[in-house]
Amino acid sequence: MNFDSNFLFASLIWGSIGAGYFIYGKKQGATMPLVGGLAMIIVSYVVSGWLMMSLFSIALVVVMHWMMKLGY
């Protein structure tokens, strides 16, 4: 596992954003932010490179935003 400063910072940022989405989804009863936040937390644990983690997390944010606009 790669524990350089870029990886740790990216993991902290994306895991925190994912936790925020998860808490928001749980309190509002909204499925999409709940599932998307959980997926972002899992990505921050599973993916071992900071660039891929950032790309996956950005893609998850875009997909969550798009799905919520569609009414899911």
N, C-alpha and C. Protein backbone atom coordinates (compact mmCIF):
# COMPACT_ATOMS: atom_id res chain seq x y z
N MET A 1 0.83 -1.17 0.00
CA MET A 1 0.00 0.00 0.00
C MET A 1 0.88 1.24 0.00
N ASN A 2 0.44 2.25 -0.71
CA ASN A 2 1.21 3.47 -0.88
C ASN A 2 0.72 4.53 0.12
N PHE A 3 1.58 4.92 1.04
CA PHE A 3 1.18 5.89 2.06
C PHE A 3 1.93 7.20 1.91
N ASP A 4 2.01 7.74 0.70
CA ASP A 4 2.63 9.05 0.55
C ASP A 4 1.63 10.14 0.92
N SER A 5 2.09 11.36 0.98
CA SER A 5 1.24 12.45 1.45
C SER A 5 0.07 12.72 0.51
N ASN A 6 0.25 12.56 -0.80
CA ASN A 6 -0.85 12.77 -1.75
C ASN A 6 -1.97 11.76 -1.52
N PHE A 7 -1.60 10.50 -1.31
CA PHE A 7 -2.60 9.46 -1.08
C PHE A 7 -3.36 9.73 0.21
N LEU A 8 -2.65 10.06 1.28
CA LEU A 8 -3.32 10.29 2.56
C LEU A 8 -4.24 11.50 2.50
N PHE A 9 -3.81 12.56 1.82
CA PHE A 9 -4.65 13.75 1.70
C PHE A 9 -5.89 13.46 0.87
N ALA A 10 -5.72 12.76 -0.26
CA ALA A 10 -6.86 12.42 -1.11
C ALA A 10 -7.83 11.50 -0.37
N SER A 11 -7.32 10.55 0.38
CA SER A 11 -8.17 9.65 1.14
C SER A 11 -8.95 10.41 2.21
N LEU A 12 -8.30 11.36 2.87
CA LEU A 12 -8.98 12.17 3.87
C LEU A 12 -10.09 13.01 3.25
N ILE A 13 -9.79 13.67 2.15
CA ILE A 13 -10.77 14.54 1.50
C ILE A 13 -11.96 13.74 0.98
N TRP A 14 -11.69 12.71 0.17
CA TRP A 14 -12.80 11.97 -0.46
C TRP A 14 -13.57 11.14 0.55
N GLY A 15 -12.90 10.62 1.57
CA GLY A 15 -13.62 9.90 2.62
C GLY A 15 -14.52 10.82 3.42
N SER A 16 -14.06 12.05 3.67
CA SER A 16 -14.88 13.01 4.41
C SER A 16 -16.09 13.46 3.59
N ILE A 17 -15.88 13.70 2.30
CA ILE A 17 -17.00 14.07 1.44
C ILE A 17 -18.01 12.92 1.36
N GLY A 18 -17.50 11.70 1.24
CA GLY A 18 -18.38 10.53 1.22
C GLY A 18 -19.15 10.37 2.51
N ALA A 19 -18.50 10.62 3.64
CA ALA A 19 -19.20 10.54 4.93
C ALA A 19 -20.28 11.61 5.02
N GLY A 20 -19.99 12.79 4.49
CA GLY A 20 -21.00 13.85 4.48
C GLY A 20 -22.21 13.47 3.65
N TYR A 21 -21.97 12.92 2.45
CA TYR A 21 -23.08 12.44 1.61
C TYR A 21 -23.86 11.35 2.32
N PHE A 22 -23.16 10.43 2.97
CA PHE A 22 -23.81 9.32 3.66
C PHE A 22 -24.71 9.83 4.79
N ILE A 23 -24.20 10.74 5.60
CA ILE A 23 -24.98 11.29 6.71
C ILE A 23 -26.17 12.08 6.18
N TYR A 24 -25.96 12.87 5.13
CA TYR A 24 -27.05 13.63 4.53
C TYR A 24 -28.15 12.69 4.02
N GLY A 25 -27.74 11.64 3.30
CA GLY A 25 -28.72 10.69 2.76
C GLY A 25 -29.48 9.97 3.85
N LYS A 26 -28.79 9.64 4.94
CA LYS A 26 -29.45 8.94 6.04
C LYS A 26 -30.46 9.84 6.74
N LYS A 27 -30.09 11.10 6.99
CA LYS A 27 -30.99 12.01 7.69
C LYS A 27 -32.18 12.43 6.83
N GLN A 28 -31.97 12.57 5.52
CA GLN A 28 -33.04 13.01 4.63
C GLN A 28 -33.87 11.84 4.09
N GLY A 29 -33.39 10.63 4.28
CA GLY A 29 -34.09 9.47 3.74
C GLY A 29 -33.94 9.36 2.24
N ALA A 30 -32.86 9.91 1.71
CA ALA A 30 -32.60 9.89 0.27
C ALA A 30 -31.62 8.77 -0.05
N THR A 31 -32.01 7.91 -0.96
CA THR A 31 -31.21 6.73 -1.27
C THR A 31 -29.93 7.06 -2.04
N MET A 32 -30.02 7.94 -3.02
CA MET A 32 -28.86 8.21 -3.87
C MET A 32 -27.67 8.79 -3.10
N PRO A 33 -27.83 9.82 -2.26
CA PRO A 33 -26.67 10.29 -1.50
C PRO A 33 -26.16 9.26 -0.50
N LEU A 34 -27.06 8.45 0.04
CA LEU A 34 -26.66 7.42 1.00
C LEU A 34 -25.76 6.38 0.32
N VAL A 35 -26.19 5.88 -0.82
CA VAL A 35 -25.43 4.86 -1.54
C VAL A 35 -24.15 5.46 -2.13
N GLY A 36 -24.26 6.67 -2.69
CA GLY A 36 -23.09 7.31 -3.26
C GLY A 36 -22.04 7.63 -2.21
N GLY A 37 -22.47 8.10 -1.04
CA GLY A 37 -21.52 8.36 0.03
C GLY A 37 -20.84 7.11 0.52
N LEU A 38 -21.60 6.03 0.62
CA LEU A 38 -21.00 4.75 1.01
C LEU A 38 -20.00 4.28 -0.04
N ALA A 39 -20.33 4.46 -1.31
CA ALA A 39 -19.41 4.08 -2.38
C ALA A 39 -18.13 4.92 -2.33
N MET A 40 -18.25 6.20 -2.01
CA MET A 40 -17.05 7.05 -1.92
C MET A 40 -16.17 6.65 -0.75
N ILE A 41 -16.80 6.26 0.36
CA ILE A 41 -16.02 5.78 1.51
C ILE A 41 -15.28 4.50 1.15
N ILE A 42 -15.97 3.59 0.46
CA ILE A 42 -15.34 2.33 0.05
C ILE A 42 -14.20 2.58 -0.93
N VAL A 43 -14.41 3.50 -1.88
CA VAL A 43 -13.35 3.82 -2.85
C VAL A 43 -12.12 4.36 -2.13
N SER A 44 -12.32 5.19 -1.10
CA SER A 44 -11.17 5.76 -0.40
C SER A 44 -10.39 4.69 0.38
N TYR A 45 -11.02 3.57 0.66
CA TYR A 45 -10.31 2.47 1.33
C TYR A 45 -9.70 1.48 0.34
N VAL A 46 -10.35 1.24 -0.78
CA VAL A 46 -9.96 0.15 -1.67
C VAL A 46 -8.91 0.58 -2.70
N VAL A 47 -9.09 1.75 -3.30
CA VAL A 47 -8.20 2.18 -4.37
C VAL A 47 -6.88 2.64 -3.76
N SER A 48 -5.77 2.19 -4.33
CA SER A 48 -4.47 2.44 -3.71
C SER A 48 -3.70 3.61 -4.32
N GLY A 49 -4.21 4.24 -5.35
CA GLY A 49 -3.53 5.39 -5.94
C GLY A 49 -4.37 6.65 -5.78
N TRP A 50 -3.70 7.76 -5.47
CA TRP A 50 -4.46 8.98 -5.22
C TRP A 50 -5.13 9.51 -6.48
N LEU A 51 -4.54 9.34 -7.63
CA LEU A 51 -5.13 9.85 -8.86
C LEU A 51 -6.38 9.05 -9.23
N MET A 52 -6.29 7.74 -9.17
CA MET A 52 -7.46 6.91 -9.49
C MET A 52 -8.57 7.13 -8.47
N MET A 53 -8.20 7.28 -7.19
CA MET A 53 -9.19 7.55 -6.16
C MET A 53 -9.91 8.86 -6.44
N SER A 54 -9.17 9.87 -6.83
CA SER A 54 -9.78 11.17 -7.13
C SER A 54 -10.68 11.09 -8.35
N LEU A 55 -10.24 10.38 -9.38
CA LEU A 55 -11.05 10.24 -10.59
C LEU A 55 -12.34 9.48 -10.32
N PHE A 56 -12.25 8.37 -9.57
CA PHE A 56 -13.45 7.60 -9.21
C PHE A 56 -14.40 8.44 -8.36
N SER A 57 -13.86 9.17 -7.41
CA SER A 57 -14.70 9.97 -6.52
C SER A 57 -15.38 11.12 -7.27
N ILE A 58 -14.65 11.77 -8.16
CA ILE A 58 -15.25 12.84 -8.96
C ILE A 58 -16.36 12.26 -9.84
N ALA A 59 -16.11 11.09 -10.42
CA ALA A 59 -17.14 10.45 -11.24
C ALA A 59 -18.36 10.11 -10.40
N LEU A 60 -18.17 9.64 -9.18
CA LEU A 60 -19.30 9.33 -8.29
C LEU A 60 -20.10 10.58 -7.95
N VAL A 61 -19.41 11.69 -7.70
CA VAL A 61 -20.11 12.95 -7.39
C VAL A 61 -20.94 13.39 -8.59
N VAL A 62 -20.36 13.29 -9.79
CA VAL A 62 -21.08 13.70 -11.00
C VAL A 62 -22.30 12.81 -11.22
N VAL A 63 -22.13 11.51 -11.07
CA VAL A 63 -23.25 10.58 -11.27
C VAL A 63 -24.34 10.81 -10.21
N MET A 64 -23.94 11.03 -8.95
CA MET A 64 -24.94 11.29 -7.91
C MET A 64 -25.72 12.56 -8.21
N HIS A 65 -25.02 13.60 -8.62
CA HIS A 65 -25.69 14.86 -8.93
C HIS A 65 -26.65 14.69 -10.11
N TRP A 66 -26.21 13.98 -11.13
CA TRP A 66 -27.03 13.75 -12.32
C TRP A 66 -28.27 12.90 -11.97
N MET A 67 -28.08 11.85 -11.17
CA MET A 67 -29.19 10.98 -10.79
C MET A 67 -30.19 11.73 -9.90
N MET A 68 -29.71 12.58 -9.00
CA MET A 68 -30.63 13.34 -8.14
C MET A 68 -31.42 14.36 -8.96
N LYS A 69 -30.81 14.91 -10.00
CA LYS A 69 -31.55 15.82 -10.89
C LYS A 69 -32.64 15.09 -11.65
N LEU A 70 -32.40 13.81 -11.95
CA LEU A 70 -33.41 13.02 -12.64
C LEU A 70 -34.53 12.55 -11.71
N GLY A 71 -34.35 12.72 -10.41
CA GLY A 71 -35.40 12.39 -9.47
C GLY A 71 -35.20 11.11 -8.69
N TYR A 72 -34.02 10.54 -8.73
CA TYR A 72 -33.77 9.31 -7.98
C TYR A 72 -33.30 9.60 -6.59
